[in-house]
Protein backbone atom coordinates (compact mmCIF):
# COMPACT_ATOMS: atom_id res chain seq x y z
CA MET A 1 8.52 9.19 -8.49
CA THR A 2 8.47 6.17 -10.72
CA THR A 3 11.78 4.97 -9.29
CA THR A 4 10.15 4.36 -5.92
CA MET A 5 7.61 1.96 -7.39
CA ALA A 6 10.20 -0.81 -7.72
CA LYS A 7 11.13 -0.30 -4.07
CA GLN A 8 7.48 -0.61 -3.06
CA LYS A 9 7.39 -4.03 -4.66
CA GLU A 10 10.72 -4.98 -3.06
CA ALA A 11 9.46 -3.91 0.37
CA ILE A 12 6.43 -6.19 0.10
CA GLU A 13 8.61 -9.07 -1.05
CA ALA A 14 10.99 -8.45 1.88
CA LEU A 15 8.05 -8.57 4.30
CA LYS A 16 7.11 -11.95 2.83
CA VAL A 17 10.66 -13.28 3.15
CA VAL A 18 10.88 -12.46 6.85
CA GLY A 19 7.36 -13.72 7.54
CA LEU A 20 5.79 -10.38 8.41
CA ARG A 21 3.57 -9.73 5.41
CA ASP A 22 0.44 -11.12 7.04
CA LYS A 23 1.07 -9.08 10.18
CA VAL A 24 1.16 -5.61 8.62
CA LYS A 25 -0.91 -3.54 6.22
CA VAL A 26 0.82 -1.90 3.27
CA ILE A 27 -0.45 1.24 1.59
CA VAL A 28 1.48 2.49 -1.42
CA SER A 29 1.34 6.01 -2.77
CA GLY A 30 2.99 8.45 -5.12
CA ALA A 31 2.10 10.35 -8.26
CA PRO A 32 2.45 7.42 -10.70
CA VAL A 33 0.92 4.84 -8.34
CA THR A 34 -2.49 3.43 -9.21
CA GLU A 35 -4.88 1.00 -7.57
CA GLU A 36 -3.94 -1.50 -10.28
CA TRP A 37 -0.28 -1.21 -9.30
CA ALA A 38 -1.17 -1.75 -5.64
CA LYS A 39 -3.04 -4.94 -6.54
CA GLU A 40 -0.23 -6.12 -8.82
CA ILE A 41 2.40 -5.92 -6.10
CA GLY A 42 0.17 -7.22 -3.33
CA ALA A 43 -0.33 -4.00 -1.38
CA ASP A 44 -3.42 -3.73 0.79
CA ALA A 45 -4.39 -0.30 -0.49
CA CYS A 46 -3.31 2.71 -2.51
CA GLY A 47 -3.38 6.33 -1.44
CA LEU A 48 -4.06 8.47 -4.48
CA ASP A 49 -3.52 11.54 -2.31
CA ALA A 50 -3.06 12.21 1.42
CA THR A 51 -6.79 12.17 2.16
CA ASP A 52 -7.29 8.95 0.24
CA ALA A 53 -4.38 7.33 2.10
CA VAL A 54 -5.89 8.23 5.49
CA ARG A 55 -9.33 7.03 4.38
CA ASN A 56 -7.88 3.71 3.23
CA ALA A 57 -5.82 3.33 6.41
CA LEU A 58 -8.95 3.78 8.49
CA LYS A 59 -10.79 1.20 6.38
CA LEU A 60 -7.93 -1.28 6.85
CA LEU A 61 -8.18 -0.73 10.60
CA GLY A 62 -11.89 -1.48 10.48
CA ARG A 63 -12.96 2.04 11.27
CA GLN A 64 -16.01 3.58 9.69
CA VAL A 65 -15.17 6.26 7.15
CA ASP A 66 -17.57 9.14 6.57
């Protein structure tokens, strides 16, 4: 839902405010979400679907993805 996109941005900003942003990885997802949006709001990755989200999570954890 497009309405959740604003909350994704707010969540990242909140992590910055409390000093946790550099300690966690953020993956955003949802039908209207794009990789460009993820970059714009400072997310670490975007999951275009469930499989893509898992693949990106594994990459962020430094695991090899087949």
